[in-house]
Amino acid sequence: MSSLPARQMASDRWPPGSWSAMATASFCMATKMGGPGAPDDLDAGPKTQVWLATSDDPEAMVTGQYFYHQKRRAVEAAARDEKIQERLIAECARISGVPFPD
C-alpha cells in the first residue's frame, strides 16, 4: 500500500491547490543489500522523486498519483477504499498520538 490513502484523506479535508502528494515505487538496486541480481540501477533510483519535486512538466504537476520511473502506475483498489483510509489514519493517530488535522 502506498501513501494514497493519506492523500485521499487530505483531499477530503483541505482545499485543492493548497498541498500535493505523490507516491513512488520502492526500488531494489544492485547494492550490497539488494544483491547483484537486483532489477534497478542506482542512478535510476532517485530520478522520479527529483522529477516530481522540481519539474514543470505537466505530468509531474499532479497530486495523488503513483509513479514508477516517471510514469504513472495503477494502485491497488484498497488504496482508494475510504474505510481502509479511515482505519489507516486512525491507526497512525493511535500509534503516534498525533490526530489527523481537520
N, C-alpha and C. Protein backbone atom coordinates (compact mmCIF):
# COMPACT_ATOMS: atom_id res chain seq x y z
N MET A 1 0.85 -1.17 0.00
CA MET A 1 0.00 0.00 0.00
C MET A 1 0.90 1.23 0.00
N SER A 2 0.45 2.26 -0.64
CA SER A 2 1.23 3.50 -0.73
C SER A 2 0.63 4.55 0.18
N SER A 3 1.08 5.79 0.02
CA SER A 3 0.56 6.89 0.81
C SER A 3 -0.74 7.44 0.23
N LEU A 4 -1.30 6.80 -0.76
CA LEU A 4 -2.53 7.30 -1.36
C LEU A 4 -3.70 7.39 -0.39
N PRO A 5 -3.88 6.46 0.55
CA PRO A 5 -4.97 6.67 1.50
C PRO A 5 -4.84 7.98 2.26
N ALA A 6 -3.65 8.31 2.72
CA ALA A 6 -3.45 9.57 3.42
C ALA A 6 -3.71 10.76 2.49
N ARG A 7 -3.30 10.63 1.24
CA ARG A 7 -3.54 11.69 0.27
C ARG A 7 -5.03 11.91 0.07
N GLN A 8 -5.79 10.83 -0.04
CA GLN A 8 -7.24 10.96 -0.22
C GLN A 8 -7.87 11.62 1.00
N MET A 9 -7.42 11.22 2.19
CA MET A 9 -7.95 11.84 3.40
C MET A 9 -7.66 13.34 3.41
N ALA A 10 -6.47 13.73 3.00
CA ALA A 10 -6.12 15.15 2.97
C ALA A 10 -6.99 15.88 1.95
N SER A 11 -7.22 15.26 0.80
CA SER A 11 -8.01 15.96 -0.23
C SER A 11 -9.45 16.15 0.21
N ASP A 12 -9.93 15.31 1.11
CA ASP A 12 -11.29 15.46 1.63
C ASP A 12 -11.38 16.58 2.66
N ARG A 13 -10.24 17.01 3.22
CA ARG A 13 -10.24 17.99 4.31
C ARG A 13 -9.70 19.36 3.94
N TRP A 14 -8.78 19.44 2.98
CA TRP A 14 -8.13 20.70 2.65
C TRP A 14 -8.41 21.09 1.21
N PRO A 15 -8.45 22.39 0.92
CA PRO A 15 -8.80 22.85 -0.42
C PRO A 15 -7.79 22.43 -1.49
N PRO A 16 -8.29 22.15 -2.70
CA PRO A 16 -7.38 21.82 -3.81
C PRO A 16 -6.37 22.95 -4.03
N GLY A 17 -5.17 22.57 -4.38
CA GLY A 17 -4.13 23.55 -4.65
C GLY A 17 -3.35 23.99 -3.42
N SER A 18 -3.81 23.60 -2.22
CA SER A 18 -3.11 24.02 -1.01
C SER A 18 -2.04 23.01 -0.59
N TRP A 19 -1.94 21.89 -1.30
CA TRP A 19 -0.96 20.85 -0.98
C TRP A 19 -0.88 19.89 -2.16
N SER A 20 0.13 19.05 -2.18
CA SER A 20 0.21 17.98 -3.17
C SER A 20 0.97 16.81 -2.56
N ALA A 21 0.67 15.63 -3.06
CA ALA A 21 1.34 14.42 -2.58
C ALA A 21 1.34 13.39 -3.70
N MET A 22 2.46 12.70 -3.84
CA MET A 22 2.58 11.61 -4.78
C MET A 22 3.24 10.45 -4.07
N ALA A 23 3.10 9.27 -4.63
CA ALA A 23 3.79 8.09 -4.13
C ALA A 23 4.68 7.55 -5.23
N THR A 24 5.83 7.02 -4.84
CA THR A 24 6.73 6.42 -5.83
C THR A 24 7.04 5.00 -5.41
N ALA A 25 7.37 4.19 -6.39
CA ALA A 25 7.70 2.79 -6.13
C ALA A 25 9.04 2.68 -5.42
N SER A 26 9.15 1.70 -4.57
CA SER A 26 10.44 1.40 -3.96
C SER A 26 11.30 0.71 -5.00
N PHE A 27 12.59 0.87 -4.88
CA PHE A 27 13.50 0.29 -5.86
C PHE A 27 14.36 -0.76 -5.20
N CYS A 28 14.68 -1.79 -5.94
CA CYS A 28 15.62 -2.80 -5.50
C CYS A 28 16.82 -2.70 -6.42
N MET A 29 17.90 -2.13 -5.90
CA MET A 29 19.07 -1.85 -6.72
C MET A 29 20.23 -2.78 -6.38
N ALA A 30 21.13 -2.89 -7.33
CA ALA A 30 22.30 -3.75 -7.15
C ALA A 30 23.27 -3.10 -6.17
N THR A 31 23.02 -3.32 -4.91
CA THR A 31 23.89 -2.85 -3.83
C THR A 31 24.24 -4.06 -2.97
N LYS A 32 24.99 -3.85 -1.91
CA LYS A 32 25.28 -4.97 -1.01
C LYS A 32 23.98 -5.55 -0.45
N MET A 33 23.02 -4.69 -0.16
CA MET A 33 21.75 -5.16 0.38
C MET A 33 20.87 -5.79 -0.70
N GLY A 34 20.78 -5.14 -1.86
CA GLY A 34 19.91 -5.62 -2.93
C GLY A 34 20.48 -6.81 -3.68
N GLY A 35 21.79 -6.97 -3.64
CA GLY A 35 22.43 -8.08 -4.33
C GLY A 35 22.69 -7.77 -5.79
N PRO A 36 23.53 -8.55 -6.44
CA PRO A 36 23.91 -8.26 -7.83
C PRO A 36 22.79 -8.47 -8.84
N GLY A 37 21.77 -9.24 -8.49
CA GLY A 37 20.68 -9.51 -9.43
C GLY A 37 19.51 -8.56 -9.31
N ALA A 38 19.61 -7.51 -8.51
CA ALA A 38 18.51 -6.57 -8.33
C ALA A 38 18.17 -5.90 -9.67
N PRO A 39 16.89 -5.66 -9.94
CA PRO A 39 16.47 -5.21 -11.27
C PRO A 39 16.70 -3.73 -11.59
N ASP A 40 16.88 -2.87 -10.61
CA ASP A 40 17.08 -1.45 -10.90
C ASP A 40 18.53 -1.05 -10.71
N ASP A 41 18.89 0.07 -11.34
CA ASP A 41 20.25 0.56 -11.14
C ASP A 41 20.24 1.76 -10.21
N LEU A 42 21.34 1.98 -9.53
CA LEU A 42 21.46 3.01 -8.52
C LEU A 42 21.20 4.41 -9.08
N ASP A 43 21.62 4.69 -10.31
CA ASP A 43 21.42 6.01 -10.90
C ASP A 43 19.95 6.29 -11.18
N ALA A 44 19.16 5.28 -11.48
CA ALA A 44 17.74 5.48 -11.80
C ALA A 44 16.90 5.71 -10.55
N GLY A 45 17.36 5.23 -9.41
CA GLY A 45 16.59 5.25 -8.18
C GLY A 45 15.93 6.58 -7.83
N PRO A 46 16.68 7.67 -7.69
CA PRO A 46 16.09 8.92 -7.24
C PRO A 46 15.49 9.80 -8.34
N LYS A 47 15.60 9.41 -9.59
CA LYS A 47 15.18 10.31 -10.68
C LYS A 47 13.70 10.69 -10.61
N THR A 48 12.83 9.75 -10.29
CA THR A 48 11.41 10.07 -10.23
C THR A 48 11.12 11.05 -9.11
N GLN A 49 11.71 10.85 -7.94
CA GLN A 49 11.47 11.76 -6.82
C GLN A 49 11.96 13.17 -7.14
N VAL A 50 13.13 13.28 -7.74
CA VAL A 50 13.67 14.59 -8.11
C VAL A 50 12.77 15.24 -9.17
N TRP A 51 12.36 14.48 -10.16
CA TRP A 51 11.48 14.98 -11.21
C TRP A 51 10.17 15.51 -10.62
N LEU A 52 9.55 14.75 -9.72
CA LEU A 52 8.28 15.19 -9.11
C LEU A 52 8.47 16.45 -8.28
N ALA A 53 9.59 16.57 -7.60
CA ALA A 53 9.83 17.70 -6.71
C ALA A 53 10.23 18.97 -7.44
N THR A 54 10.81 18.85 -8.65
CA THR A 54 11.39 20.03 -9.29
C THR A 54 10.87 20.35 -10.68
N SER A 55 10.18 19.44 -11.32
CA SER A 55 9.82 19.61 -12.73
C SER A 55 8.61 20.51 -12.95
N ASP A 56 8.62 21.21 -14.08
CA ASP A 56 7.45 21.95 -14.54
C ASP A 56 6.66 21.15 -15.56
N ASP A 57 7.08 19.92 -15.80
CA ASP A 57 6.38 19.02 -16.71
C ASP A 57 4.94 18.84 -16.19
N PRO A 58 3.93 19.07 -17.05
CA PRO A 58 2.54 18.90 -16.59
C PRO A 58 2.26 17.52 -15.99
N GLU A 59 2.94 16.50 -16.47
CA GLU A 59 2.74 15.15 -15.93
C GLU A 59 3.22 15.05 -14.48
N ALA A 60 4.18 15.89 -14.10
CA ALA A 60 4.69 15.88 -12.73
C ALA A 60 3.92 16.84 -11.83
N MET A 61 3.09 17.68 -12.40
CA MET A 61 2.37 18.70 -11.64
C MET A 61 0.98 18.20 -11.25
N VAL A 62 0.92 16.99 -10.73
CA VAL A 62 -0.34 16.37 -10.34
C VAL A 62 -0.26 16.01 -8.87
N THR A 63 -1.35 15.56 -8.32
CA THR A 63 -1.34 15.10 -6.94
C THR A 63 -2.12 13.80 -6.85
N GLY A 64 -1.76 13.01 -5.87
CA GLY A 64 -2.48 11.77 -5.62
C GLY A 64 -2.22 10.66 -6.61
N GLN A 65 -1.07 10.68 -7.25
CA GLN A 65 -0.76 9.64 -8.23
C GLN A 65 0.40 8.80 -7.73
N TYR A 66 0.57 7.66 -8.36
CA TYR A 66 1.63 6.70 -8.03
C TYR A 66 2.54 6.58 -9.24
N PHE A 67 3.84 6.71 -9.03
CA PHE A 67 4.80 6.74 -10.15
C PHE A 67 5.89 5.68 -10.00
N TYR A 68 6.34 5.20 -11.14
CA TYR A 68 7.50 4.32 -11.23
C TYR A 68 8.27 4.73 -12.48
N HIS A 69 9.51 5.11 -12.32
CA HIS A 69 10.34 5.59 -13.43
C HIS A 69 9.64 6.67 -14.26
N GLN A 70 9.13 7.67 -13.58
CA GLN A 70 8.49 8.85 -14.17
C GLN A 70 7.24 8.52 -14.98
N LYS A 71 6.62 7.40 -14.72
CA LYS A 71 5.37 7.01 -15.39
C LYS A 71 4.34 6.70 -14.33
N ARG A 72 3.10 7.13 -14.57
CA ARG A 72 2.02 6.80 -13.65
C ARG A 72 1.76 5.31 -13.67
N ARG A 73 1.45 4.79 -12.51
CA ARG A 73 1.08 3.38 -12.37
C ARG A 73 -0.24 3.29 -11.63
N ALA A 74 -0.97 2.23 -11.87
CA ALA A 74 -2.21 1.97 -11.14
C ALA A 74 -1.87 1.55 -9.71
N VAL A 75 -2.78 1.80 -8.81
CA VAL A 75 -2.60 1.39 -7.41
C VAL A 75 -3.59 0.28 -7.09
N GLU A 76 -3.33 -0.40 -6.00
CA GLU A 76 -4.26 -1.40 -5.51
C GLU A 76 -5.60 -0.73 -5.19
N ALA A 77 -6.69 -1.41 -5.46
CA ALA A 77 -8.02 -0.85 -5.18
C ALA A 77 -8.16 -0.46 -3.71
N ALA A 78 -7.52 -1.21 -2.83
CA ALA A 78 -7.61 -0.92 -1.39
C ALA A 78 -7.09 0.47 -1.05
N ALA A 79 -6.17 1.00 -1.84
CA ALA A 79 -5.61 2.33 -1.57
C ALA A 79 -6.65 3.43 -1.74
N ARG A 80 -7.72 3.16 -2.46
CA ARG A 80 -8.77 4.15 -2.67
C ARG A 80 -10.04 3.83 -1.88
N ASP A 81 -9.99 2.81 -1.05
CA ASP A 81 -11.14 2.39 -0.24
C ASP A 81 -11.24 3.30 0.99
N GLU A 82 -12.33 4.03 1.12
CA GLU A 82 -12.47 5.01 2.21
C GLU A 82 -12.45 4.37 3.59
N LYS A 83 -13.00 3.19 3.74
CA LYS A 83 -12.98 2.53 5.05
C LYS A 83 -11.54 2.18 5.45
N ILE A 84 -10.77 1.71 4.50
CA ILE A 84 -9.36 1.41 4.78
C ILE A 84 -8.59 2.69 5.07
N GLN A 85 -8.89 3.76 4.35
CA GLN A 85 -8.24 5.05 4.60
C GLN A 85 -8.51 5.50 6.03
N GLU A 86 -9.76 5.41 6.47
CA GLU A 86 -10.12 5.83 7.82
C GLU A 86 -9.39 4.98 8.87
N ARG A 87 -9.31 3.67 8.64
CA ARG A 87 -8.60 2.79 9.58
C ARG A 87 -7.12 3.12 9.63
N LEU A 88 -6.51 3.39 8.46
CA LEU A 88 -5.09 3.73 8.42
C LEU A 88 -4.81 5.01 9.20
N ILE A 89 -5.60 6.05 8.96
CA ILE A 89 -5.40 7.32 9.65
C ILE A 89 -5.62 7.16 11.15
N ALA A 90 -6.64 6.40 11.54
CA ALA A 90 -6.90 6.17 12.97
C ALA A 90 -5.74 5.42 13.62
N GLU A 91 -5.20 4.42 12.93
CA GLU A 91 -4.08 3.65 13.49
C GLU A 91 -2.82 4.51 13.59
N CYS A 92 -2.56 5.34 12.57
CA CYS A 92 -1.41 6.25 12.64
C CYS A 92 -1.55 7.20 13.83
N ALA A 93 -2.77 7.71 14.04
CA ALA A 93 -3.00 8.61 15.17
C ALA A 93 -2.81 7.87 16.50
N ARG A 94 -3.29 6.63 16.56
CA ARG A 94 -3.15 5.85 17.78
C ARG A 94 -1.68 5.60 18.11
N ILE A 95 -0.92 5.21 17.11
CA ILE A 95 0.50 4.89 17.32
C ILE A 95 1.30 6.13 17.67
N SER A 96 1.05 7.22 16.94
CA SER A 96 1.87 8.43 17.10
C SER A 96 1.36 9.37 18.19
N GLY A 97 0.09 9.24 18.52
CA GLY A 97 -0.52 10.19 19.46
C GLY A 97 -0.84 11.53 18.80
N VAL A 98 -0.74 11.60 17.48
CA VAL A 98 -1.00 12.83 16.75
C VAL A 98 -2.21 12.62 15.84
N PRO A 99 -3.34 13.27 16.13
CA PRO A 99 -4.51 13.09 15.27
C PRO A 99 -4.35 13.78 13.92
N PHE A 100 -5.00 13.26 12.93
CA PHE A 100 -5.01 13.89 11.60
C PHE A 100 -5.82 15.17 11.70
N PRO A 101 -5.28 16.31 11.24
CA PRO A 101 -5.99 17.59 11.40
C PRO A 101 -7.29 17.64 10.57
N ASP A 102 -8.23 18.40 11.09
CA ASP A 102 -9.49 18.65 10.35
C ASP A 102 -9.30 19.75 9.35
